[in-house]
Amino acid sequence: MIIDRLGGIDPLKDVQNAYKTPSKQPLRSGHDSISISAEAREMAEAYYLSEVAAATPDIRADRVAEVREKIKDPAYLNPDVISSTADKIMSSLGL
């Protein structure tokens, strides 16, 4: 395999030097402003919320450990707790 050199060491160097702008233009002092549309703000908020949701674990280990400890206690599982839990499950399903 033969590799031929196409040019100098840095072939982009000549191109970069050809497009330099003169620095003799005085800087204008003024105020710049931008405006962000409501749609862009909503999209940014949706993006932020999706990032937070992706970073948040689906299972809260602290709550799982707490419930496991409660279930180990035989006095915890009484008809009132079971009924309340069943009601919460049914309401979360819209029934």
PDB file of N, CA and C in Angstrom:
ATOM      1  N   MET A   1       0.843  -1.171   0.000  1.00  0.00           N
ATOM      2  CA  MET A   1       0.000   0.000   0.000  1.00  0.00           C
ATOM      3  C   MET A   1       0.891   1.237   0.000  1.00  0.00           C
ATOM      4  N   ILE A   2       0.605   2.156  -0.897  1.00  0.00           N
ATOM      5  CA  ILE A   2       1.394   3.365  -1.010  1.00  0.00           C
ATOM      6  C   ILE A   2       0.513   4.546  -0.635  1.00  0.00           C
ATOM      7  N   ILE A   3       1.004   5.383   0.254  1.00  0.00           N
ATOM      8  CA  ILE A   3       0.275   6.580   0.660  1.00  0.00           C
ATOM      9  C   ILE A   3       1.072   7.781   0.175  1.00  0.00           C
ATOM     10  N   ASP A   4       0.480   8.563  -0.715  1.00  0.00           N
ATOM     11  CA  ASP A   4       1.136   9.755  -1.228  1.00  0.00           C
ATOM     12  C   ASP A   4       0.698  10.959  -0.418  1.00  0.00           C
ATOM     13  N   ARG A   5       1.612  11.853  -0.188  1.00  0.00           N
ATOM     14  CA  ARG A   5       1.312  13.091   0.521  1.00  0.00           C
ATOM     15  C   ARG A   5       0.584  14.042  -0.427  1.00  0.00           C
ATOM     16  N   LEU A   6      -0.534  14.607   0.043  1.00  0.00           N
ATOM     17  CA  LEU A   6      -1.322  15.498  -0.786  1.00  0.00           C
ATOM     18  C   LEU A   6      -0.832  16.934  -0.742  1.00  0.00           C
ATOM     19  N   GLY A   7      -0.196  17.299   0.297  1.00  0.00           N
ATOM     20  CA  GLY A   7       0.241  18.677   0.425  1.00  0.00           C
ATOM     21  C   GLY A   7       1.178  18.793   1.592  1.00  0.00           C
ATOM     22  N   GLY A   8       1.137  19.958   2.229  1.00  0.00           N
ATOM     23  CA  GLY A   8       1.987  20.195   3.385  1.00  0.00           C
ATOM     24  C   GLY A   8       1.477  19.437   4.593  1.00  0.00           C
ATOM     25  N   ILE A   9       2.048  19.742   5.699  1.00  0.00           N
ATOM     26  CA  ILE A   9       1.676  19.073   6.937  1.00  0.00           C
ATOM     27  C   ILE A   9       0.252  19.414   7.336  1.00  0.00           C
ATOM     28  N   ASP A  10      -0.148  20.664   7.170  1.00  0.00           N
ATOM     29  CA  ASP A  10      -1.485  21.101   7.533  1.00  0.00           C
ATOM     30  C   ASP A  10      -2.163  21.722   6.314  1.00  0.00           C
ATOM     31  N   PRO A  11      -2.896  20.920   5.518  1.00  0.00           N
ATOM     32  CA  PRO A  11      -3.488  21.467   4.298  1.00  0.00           C
ATOM     33  C   PRO A  11      -4.580  22.500   4.556  1.00  0.00           C
ATOM     34  N   LEU A  12      -5.163  22.532   5.731  1.00  0.00           N
ATOM     35  CA  LEU A  12      -6.205  23.506   6.030  1.00  0.00           C
ATOM     36  C   LEU A  12      -5.640  24.857   6.463  1.00  0.00           C
ATOM     37  N   LYS A  13      -4.362  24.897   6.751  1.00  0.00           N
ATOM     38  CA  LYS A  13      -3.759  26.128   7.250  1.00  0.00           C
ATOM     39  C   LYS A  13      -3.901  27.267   6.239  1.00  0.00           C
ATOM     40  N   ASP A  14      -3.671  26.989   4.969  1.00  0.00           N
ATOM     41  CA  ASP A  14      -3.775  28.027   3.954  1.00  0.00           C
ATOM     42  C   ASP A  14      -5.208  28.498   3.796  1.00  0.00           C
ATOM     43  N   VAL A  15      -6.172  27.609   3.887  1.00  0.00           N
ATOM     44  CA  VAL A  15      -7.576  27.972   3.744  1.00  0.00           C
ATOM     45  C   VAL A  15      -8.016  28.831   4.928  1.00  0.00           C
ATOM     46  N   GLN A  16      -7.570  28.457   6.111  1.00  0.00           N
ATOM     47  CA  GLN A  16      -7.951  29.207   7.295  1.00  0.00           C
ATOM     48  C   GLN A  16      -7.390  30.625   7.263  1.00  0.00           C
ATOM     49  N   ASN A  17      -6.192  30.791   6.808  1.00  0.00           N
ATOM     50  CA  ASN A  17      -5.574  32.116   6.762  1.00  0.00           C
ATOM     51  C   ASN A  17      -6.210  33.004   5.701  1.00  0.00           C
ATOM     52  N   ALA A  18      -6.769  32.443   4.648  1.00  0.00           N
ATOM     53  CA  ALA A  18      -7.337  33.223   3.555  1.00  0.00           C
ATOM     54  C   ALA A  18      -8.633  33.918   3.969  1.00  0.00           C
ATOM     55  N   TYR A  19      -9.333  33.423   4.975  1.00  0.00           N
ATOM     56  CA  TYR A  19     -10.643  33.965   5.338  1.00  0.00           C
ATOM     57  C   TYR A  19     -10.649  34.749   6.640  1.00  0.00           C
ATOM     58  N   LYS A  20      -9.529  35.226   7.065  1.00  0.00           N
ATOM     59  CA  LYS A  20      -9.478  36.021   8.293  1.00  0.00           C
ATOM     60  C   LYS A  20     -10.113  37.379   8.044  1.00  0.00           C
ATOM     61  N   THR A  21     -10.862  37.848   8.992  1.00  0.00           N
ATOM     62  CA  THR A  21     -11.489  39.164   8.873  1.00  0.00           C
ATOM     63  C   THR A  21     -10.583  40.204   9.510  1.00  0.00           C
ATOM     64  N   PRO A  22     -10.564  41.391   8.953  1.00  0.00           N
ATOM     65  CA  PRO A  22      -9.713  42.425   9.559  1.00  0.00           C
ATOM     66  C   PRO A  22     -10.267  42.835  10.921  1.00  0.00           C
ATOM     67  N   SER A  23      -9.373  43.084  11.849  1.00  0.00           N
ATOM     68  CA  SER A  23      -9.786  43.449  13.207  1.00  0.00           C
ATOM     69  C   SER A  23      -9.809  44.958  13.402  1.00  0.00           C
ATOM     70  N   LYS A  24      -9.844  45.720  12.325  1.00  0.00           N
ATOM     71  CA  LYS A  24      -9.825  47.173  12.418  1.00  0.00           C
ATOM     72  C   LYS A  24     -11.205  47.766  12.633  1.00  0.00           C
ATOM     73  N   GLN A  25     -12.265  46.967  12.551  1.00  0.00           N
ATOM     74  CA  GLN A  25     -13.611  47.487  12.732  1.00  0.00           C
ATOM     75  C   GLN A  25     -13.863  47.754  14.211  1.00  0.00           C
ATOM     76  N   PRO A  26     -14.321  48.941  14.548  1.00  0.00           N
ATOM     77  CA  PRO A  26     -14.590  49.230  15.968  1.00  0.00           C
ATOM     78  C   PRO A  26     -15.817  48.446  16.449  1.00  0.00           C
ATOM     79  N   LEU A  27     -15.769  48.088  17.688  1.00  0.00           N
ATOM     80  CA  LEU A  27     -16.887  47.376  18.287  1.00  0.00           C
ATOM     81  C   LEU A  27     -17.998  48.367  18.611  1.00  0.00           C
ATOM     82  N   ARG A  28     -19.211  47.974  18.297  1.00  0.00           N
ATOM     83  CA  ARG A  28     -20.351  48.830  18.611  1.00  0.00           C
ATOM     84  C   ARG A  28     -20.919  48.430  19.960  1.00  0.00           C
ATOM     85  N   SER A  29     -21.116  49.399  20.791  1.00  0.00           N
ATOM     86  CA  SER A  29     -21.728  49.090  22.075  1.00  0.00           C
ATOM     87  C   SER A  29     -23.226  49.336  21.947  1.00  0.00           C
ATOM     88  N   GLY A  30     -23.988  48.355  22.269  1.00  0.00           N
ATOM     89  CA  GLY A  30     -25.433  48.450  22.174  1.00  0.00           C
ATOM     90  C   GLY A  30     -26.051  47.332  22.986  1.00  0.00           C
ATOM     91  N   HIS A  31     -27.306  47.212  22.848  1.00  0.00           N
ATOM     92  CA  HIS A  31     -28.010  46.186  23.595  1.00  0.00           C
ATOM     93  C   HIS A  31     -28.577  45.168  22.621  1.00  0.00           C
ATOM     94  N   ASP A  32     -28.251  43.931  22.863  1.00  0.00           N
ATOM     95  CA  ASP A  32     -28.820  42.848  22.092  1.00  0.00           C
ATOM     96  C   ASP A  32     -29.994  42.283  22.867  1.00  0.00           C
ATOM     97  N   SER A  33     -30.916  41.733  22.157  1.00  0.00           N
ATOM     98  CA  SER A  33     -32.049  41.115  22.840  1.00  0.00           C
ATOM     99  C   SER A  33     -32.505  39.909  22.038  1.00  0.00           C
ATOM    100  N   ILE A  34     -33.104  39.006  22.730  1.00  0.00           N
ATOM    101  CA  ILE A  34     -33.689  37.835  22.093  1.00  0.00           C
ATOM    102  C   ILE A  34     -35.104  37.678  22.622  1.00  0.00           C
ATOM    103  N   SER A  35     -35.906  36.973  21.861  1.00  0.00           N
ATOM    104  CA  SER A  35     -37.244  36.651  22.349  1.00  0.00           C
ATOM    105  C   SER A  35     -37.487  35.171  22.088  1.00  0.00           C
ATOM    106  N   ILE A  36     -38.058  34.527  23.052  1.00  0.00           N
ATOM    107  CA  ILE A  36     -38.321  33.094  22.978  1.00  0.00           C
ATOM    108  C   ILE A  36     -39.824  32.908  22.928  1.00  0.00           C
ATOM    109  N   SER A  37     -40.274  32.155  21.949  1.00  0.00           N
ATOM    110  CA  SER A  37     -41.714  31.955  21.783  1.00  0.00           C
ATOM    111  C   SER A  37     -42.261  31.066  22.900  1.00  0.00           C
ATOM    112  N   ALA A  38     -43.545  31.141  23.095  1.00  0.00           N
ATOM    113  CA  ALA A  38     -44.200  30.316  24.113  1.00  0.00           C
ATOM    114  C   ALA A  38     -44.048  28.836  23.765  1.00  0.00           C
ATOM    115  N   GLU A  39     -44.092  28.532  22.473  1.00  0.00           N
ATOM    116  CA  GLU A  39     -43.934  27.139  22.043  1.00  0.00           C
ATOM    117  C   GLU A  39     -42.537  26.618  22.397  1.00  0.00           C
ATOM    118  N   ALA A  40     -41.511  27.451  22.209  1.00  0.00           N
ATOM    119  CA  ALA A  40     -40.147  27.049  22.550  1.00  0.00           C
ATOM    120  C   ALA A  40     -39.996  26.856  24.054  1.00  0.00           C
ATOM    121  N   ARG A  41     -40.645  27.721  24.825  1.00  0.00           N
ATOM    122  CA  ARG A  41     -40.590  27.564  26.286  1.00  0.00           C
ATOM    123  C   ARG A  41     -41.256  26.268  26.724  1.00  0.00           C
ATOM    124  N   GLU A  42     -42.387  25.943  26.119  1.00  0.00           N
ATOM    125  CA  GLU A  42     -43.077  24.692  26.445  1.00  0.00           C
ATOM    126  C   GLU A  42     -42.226  23.488  26.067  1.00  0.00           C
ATOM    127  N   MET A  43     -41.568  23.575  24.912  1.00  0.00           N
ATOM    128  CA  MET A  43     -40.710  22.479  24.482  1.00  0.00           C
ATOM    129  C   MET A  43     -39.516  22.320  25.424  1.00  0.00           C
ATOM    130  N   ALA A  44     -38.952  23.431  25.877  1.00  0.00           N
ATOM    131  CA  ALA A  44     -37.827  23.371  26.811  1.00  0.00           C
ATOM    132  C   ALA A  44     -38.263  22.770  28.142  1.00  0.00           C
ATOM    133  N   GLU A  45     -39.442  23.145  28.596  1.00  0.00           N
ATOM    134  CA  GLU A  45     -39.951  22.583  29.847  1.00  0.00           C
ATOM    135  C   GLU A  45     -40.228  21.089  29.706  1.00  0.00           C
ATOM    136  N   ALA A  46     -40.801  20.695  28.568  1.00  0.00           N
ATOM    137  CA  ALA A  46     -41.067  19.274  28.323  1.00  0.00           C
ATOM    138  C   ALA A  46     -39.759  18.491  28.266  1.00  0.00           C
ATOM    139  N   TYR A  47     -38.736  19.073  27.635  1.00  0.00           N
ATOM    140  CA  TYR A  47     -37.435  18.408  27.570  1.00  0.00           C
ATOM    141  C   TYR A  47     -36.846  18.261  28.967  1.00  0.00           C
ATOM    142  N   TYR A  48     -36.919  19.320  29.770  1.00  0.00           N
ATOM    143  CA  TYR A  48     -36.389  19.268  31.129  1.00  0.00           C
ATOM    144  C   TYR A  48     -37.110  18.201  31.950  1.00  0.00           C
ATOM    145  N   LEU A  49     -38.433  18.165  31.853  1.00  0.00           N
ATOM    146  CA  LEU A  49     -39.204  17.180  32.617  1.00  0.00           C
ATOM    147  C   LEU A  49     -38.903  15.763  32.164  1.00  0.00           C
ATOM    148  N   SER A  50     -38.688  15.559  30.867  1.00  0.00           N
ATOM    149  CA  SER A  50     -38.351  14.214  30.392  1.00  0.00           C
ATOM    150  C   SER A  50     -36.971  13.798  30.886  1.00  0.00           C
ATOM    151  N   GLU A  51     -36.041  14.747  30.985  1.00  0.00           N
ATOM    152  CA  GLU A  51     -34.721  14.436  31.522  1.00  0.00           C
ATOM    153  C   GLU A  51     -34.807  14.073  33.004  1.00  0.00           C
ATOM    154  N   VAL A  52     -35.622  14.803  33.751  1.00  0.00           N
ATOM    155  CA  VAL A  52     -35.795  14.499  35.176  1.00  0.00           C
ATOM    156  C   VAL A  52     -36.444  13.130  35.343  1.00  0.00           C
ATOM    157  N   ALA A  53     -37.450  12.842  34.524  1.00  0.00           N
ATOM    158  CA  ALA A  53     -38.129  11.546  34.606  1.00  0.00           C
ATOM    159  C   ALA A  53     -37.184  10.405  34.246  1.00  0.00           C
ATOM    160  N   ALA A  54     -36.311  10.625  33.277  1.00  0.00           N
ATOM    161  CA  ALA A  54     -35.359   9.587  32.887  1.00  0.00           C
ATOM    162  C   ALA A  54     -34.324   9.345  33.980  1.00  0.00           C
ATOM    163  N   ALA A  55     -33.978  10.385  34.720  1.00  0.00           N
ATOM    164  CA  ALA A  55     -32.974  10.245  35.777  1.00  0.00           C
ATOM    165  C   ALA A  55     -33.556   9.695  37.075  1.00  0.00           C
ATOM    166  N   THR A  56     -34.869   9.761  37.232  1.00  0.00           N
ATOM    167  CA  THR A  56     -35.513   9.293  38.446  1.00  0.00           C
ATOM    168  C   THR A  56     -35.790   7.795  38.328  1.00  0.00           C
ATOM    169  N   PRO A  57     -35.404   7.018  39.329  1.00  0.00           N
ATOM    170  CA  PRO A  57     -35.667   5.581  39.251  1.00  0.00           C
ATOM    171  C   PRO A  57     -37.163   5.283  39.334  1.00  0.00           C
ATOM    172  N   ASP A  58     -37.579   4.211  38.654  1.00  0.00           N
ATOM    173  CA  ASP A  58     -38.985   3.823  38.662  1.00  0.00           C
ATOM    174  C   ASP A  58     -39.409   3.249  40.013  1.00  0.00           C
ATOM    175  N   ILE A  59     -38.488   2.652  40.715  1.00  0.00           N
ATOM    176  CA  ILE A  59     -38.793   2.025  41.997  1.00  0.00           C
ATOM    177  C   ILE A  59     -38.074   2.793  43.097  1.00  0.00           C
ATOM    178  N   ARG A  60     -38.843   3.229  44.071  1.00  0.00           N
ATOM    179  CA  ARG A  60     -38.256   3.936  45.210  1.00  0.00           C
ATOM    180  C   ARG A  60     -37.882   2.913  46.268  1.00  0.00           C
ATOM    181  N   ALA A  61     -36.607   2.635  46.367  1.00  0.00           N
ATOM    182  CA  ALA A  61     -36.104   1.585  47.254  1.00  0.00           C
ATOM    183  C   ALA A  61     -36.437   1.872  48.715  1.00  0.00           C
ATOM    184  N   ASP A  62     -36.435   3.154  49.105  1.00  0.00           N
ATOM    185  CA  ASP A  62     -36.728   3.473  50.499  1.00  0.00           C
ATOM    186  C   ASP A  62     -38.171   3.121  50.857  1.00  0.00           C
ATOM    187  N   ARG A  63     -39.105   3.394  49.926  1.00  0.00           N
ATOM    188  CA  ARG A  63     -40.512   3.064  50.180  1.00  0.00           C
ATOM    189  C   ARG A  63     -40.726   1.548  50.179  1.00  0.00           C
ATOM    190  N   VAL A  64     -40.039   0.830  49.299  1.00  0.00           N
ATOM    191  CA  VAL A  64     -40.169  -0.628  49.255  1.00  0.00           C
ATOM    192  C   VAL A  64     -39.682  -1.235  50.564  1.00  0.00           C
ATOM    193  N   ALA A  65     -38.558  -0.752  51.073  1.00  0.00           N
ATOM    194  CA  ALA A  65     -38.037  -1.265  52.343  1.00  0.00           C
ATOM    195  C   ALA A  65     -38.997  -0.955  53.489  1.00  0.00           C
ATOM    196  N   GLU A  66     -39.595   0.229  53.466  1.00  0.00           N
ATOM    197  CA  GLU A  66     -40.545   0.610  54.516  1.00  0.00           C
ATOM    198  C   GLU A  66     -41.770  -0.301  54.500  1.00  0.00           C
ATOM    199  N   VAL A  67     -42.310  -0.583  53.327  1.00  0.00           N
ATOM    200  CA  VAL A  67     -43.489  -1.446  53.226  1.00  0.00           C
ATOM    201  C   VAL A  67     -43.141  -2.871  53.628  1.00  0.00           C
ATOM    202  N   ARG A  68     -41.955  -3.344  53.251  1.00  0.00           N
ATOM    203  CA  ARG A  68     -41.550  -4.703  53.646  1.00  0.00           C
ATOM    204  C   ARG A  68     -41.498  -4.832  55.161  1.00  0.00           C
ATOM    205  N   GLU A  69     -40.986  -3.806  55.830  1.00  0.00           N
ATOM    206  CA  GLU A  69     -40.927  -3.840  57.288  1.00  0.00           C
ATOM    207  C   GLU A  69     -42.333  -3.841  57.898  1.00  0.00           C
ATOM    208  N   LYS A  70     -43.251  -3.072  57.324  1.00  0.00           N
ATOM    209  CA  LYS A  70     -44.619  -3.044  57.836  1.00  0.00           C
ATOM    210  C   LYS A  70     -45.306  -4.386  57.643  1.00  0.00           C
ATOM    211  N   ILE A  71     -45.068  -5.027  56.501  1.00  0.00           N
ATOM    212  CA  ILE A  71     -45.727  -6.315  56.232  1.00  0.00           C
ATOM    213  C   ILE A  71     -45.215  -7.398  57.168  1.00  0.00           C
ATOM    214  N   LYS A  72     -43.969  -7.298  57.624  1.00  0.00           N
ATOM    215  CA  LYS A  72     -43.428  -8.291  58.547  1.00  0.00           C
ATOM    216  C   LYS A  72     -44.178  -8.280  59.877  1.00  0.00           C
ATOM    217  N   ASP A  73     -44.765  -7.158  60.247  1.00  0.00           N
ATOM    218  CA  ASP A  73     -45.525  -7.049  61.486  1.00  0.00           C
ATOM    219  C   ASP A  73     -46.909  -7.665  61.268  1.00  0.00           C
ATOM    220  N   PRO A  74     -47.256  -8.742  61.976  1.00  0.00           N
ATOM    221  CA  PRO A  74     -48.551  -9.398  61.771  1.00  0.00           C
ATOM    222  C   PRO A  74     -49.747  -8.509  62.126  1.00  0.00           C
ATOM    223  N   ALA A  75     -49.566  -7.550  62.993  1.00  0.00           N
ATOM    224  CA  ALA A  75     -50.674  -6.689  63.394  1.00  0.00           C
ATOM    225  C   ALA A  75     -51.005  -5.671  62.303  1.00  0.00           C
ATOM    226  N   TYR A  76     -50.080  -5.442  61.362  1.00  0.00           N
ATOM    227  CA  TYR A  76     -50.301  -4.455  60.313  1.00  0.00           C
ATOM    228  C   TYR A  76     -51.355  -4.912  59.312  1.00  0.00           C
ATOM    229  N   LEU A  77     -51.341  -6.189  58.974  1.00  0.00           N
ATOM    230  CA  LEU A  77     -52.287  -6.701  57.979  1.00  0.00           C
ATOM    231  C   LEU A  77     -53.626  -7.001  58.648  1.00  0.00           C
ATOM    232  N   ASN A  78     -54.438  -5.982  58.770  1.00  0.00           N
ATOM    233  CA  ASN A  78     -55.779  -6.146  59.320  1.00  0.00           C
ATOM    234  C   ASN A  78     -56.782  -5.749  58.234  1.00  0.00           C
ATOM    235  N   PRO A  79     -58.049  -6.045  58.435  1.00  0.00           N
ATOM    236  CA  PRO A  79     -59.057  -5.759  57.388  1.00  0.00           C
ATOM    237  C   PRO A  79     -59.122  -4.285  56.966  1.00  0.00           C
ATOM    238  N   ASP A  80     -58.877  -3.371  57.904  1.00  0.00           N
ATOM    239  CA  ASP A  80     -58.917  -1.949  57.555  1.00  0.00           C
ATOM    240  C   ASP A  80     -57.808  -1.581  56.559  1.00  0.00           C
ATOM    241  N   VAL A  81     -56.601  -2.061  56.795  1.00  0.00           N
ATOM    242  CA  VAL A  81     -55.474  -1.765  55.905  1.00  0.00           C
ATOM    243  C   VAL A  81     -55.697  -2.406  54.541  1.00  0.00           C
ATOM    244  N   ILE A  82     -56.182  -3.634  54.528  1.00  0.00           N
ATOM    245  CA  ILE A  82     -56.432  -4.334  53.265  1.00  0.00           C
ATOM    246  C   ILE A  82     -57.522  -3.616  52.469  1.00  0.00           C
ATOM    247  N   SER A  83     -58.577  -3.192  53.130  1.00  0.00           N
ATOM    248  CA  SER A  83     -59.661  -2.476  52.456  1.00  0.00           C
ATOM    249  C   SER A  83     -59.188  -1.130  51.908  1.00  0.00           C
ATOM    250  N   SER A  84     -58.417  -0.421  52.693  1.00  0.00           N
ATOM    251  CA  SER A  84     -57.893   0.875  52.249  1.00  0.00           C
ATOM    252  C   SER A  84     -56.982   0.711  51.036  1.00  0.00           C
ATOM    253  N   THR A  85     -56.125  -0.303  51.070  1.00  0.00           N
ATOM    254  CA  THR A  85     -55.228  -0.569  49.942  1.00  0.00           C
ATOM    255  C   THR A  85     -56.017  -0.943  48.701  1.00  0.00           C
ATOM    256  N   ALA A  86     -57.016  -1.784  48.861  1.00  0.00           N
ATOM    257  CA  ALA A  86     -57.844  -2.176  47.718  1.00  0.00           C
ATOM    258  C   ALA A  86     -58.577  -0.976  47.134  1.00  0.00           C
ATOM    259  N   ASP A  87     -59.074  -0.093  47.985  1.00  0.00           N
ATOM    260  CA  ASP A  87     -59.750   1.123  47.499  1.00  0.00           C
ATOM    261  C   ASP A  87     -58.794   2.019  46.707  1.00  0.00           C
ATOM    262  N   LYS A  88     -57.577   2.163  47.179  1.00  0.00           N
ATOM    263  CA  LYS A  88     -56.591   2.994  46.480  1.00  0.00           C
ATOM    264  C   LYS A  88     -56.225   2.395  45.125  1.00  0.00           C
ATOM    265  N   ILE A  89     -56.130   1.083  45.062  1.00  0.00           N
ATOM    266  CA  ILE A  89     -55.823   0.415  43.789  1.00  0.00           C
ATOM    267  C   ILE A  89     -56.972   0.616  42.812  1.00  0.00           C
ATOM    268  N   MET A  90     -58.174   0.453  43.282  1.00  0.00           N
ATOM    269  CA  MET A  90     -59.345   0.604  42.414  1.00  0.00           C
ATOM    270  C   MET A  90     -59.465   2.053  41.915  1.00  0.00           C
ATOM    271  N   SER A  91     -59.230   3.011  42.791  1.00  0.00           N
ATOM    272  CA  SER A  91     -59.345   4.413  42.353  1.00  0.00           C
ATOM    273  C   SER A  91     -58.228   4.790  41.380  1.00  0.00           C
ATOM    274  N   SER A  92     -57.042   4.214  41.535  1.00  0.00           N
ATOM    275  CA  SER A  92     -55.961   4.510  40.596  1.00  0.00           C
ATOM    276  C   SER A  92     -56.258   3.908  39.210  1.00  0.00           C
ATOM    277  N   LEU A  93     -57.039   2.846  39.171  1.00  0.00           N
ATOM    278  CA  LEU A  93     -57.431   2.250  37.900  1.00  0.00           C
ATOM    279  C   LEU A  93     -58.681   2.893  37.319  1.00  0.00           C
ATOM    280  N   GLY A  94     -59.264   3.815  38.057  1.00  0.00           N
ATOM    281  CA  GLY A  94     -60.455   4.522  37.578  1.00  0.00           C
ATOM    282  C   GLY A  94     -61.732   3.725  37.771  1.00  0.00           C
ATOM    283  N   LEU A  95     -61.718   2.806  38.682  1.00  0.00           N
ATOM    284  CA  LEU A  95     -62.917   1.978  38.938  1.00  0.00           C
ATOM    285  C   LEU A  95     -63.598   2.367  40.240  1.00  0.00           C
TER     286      LEU A  95
END
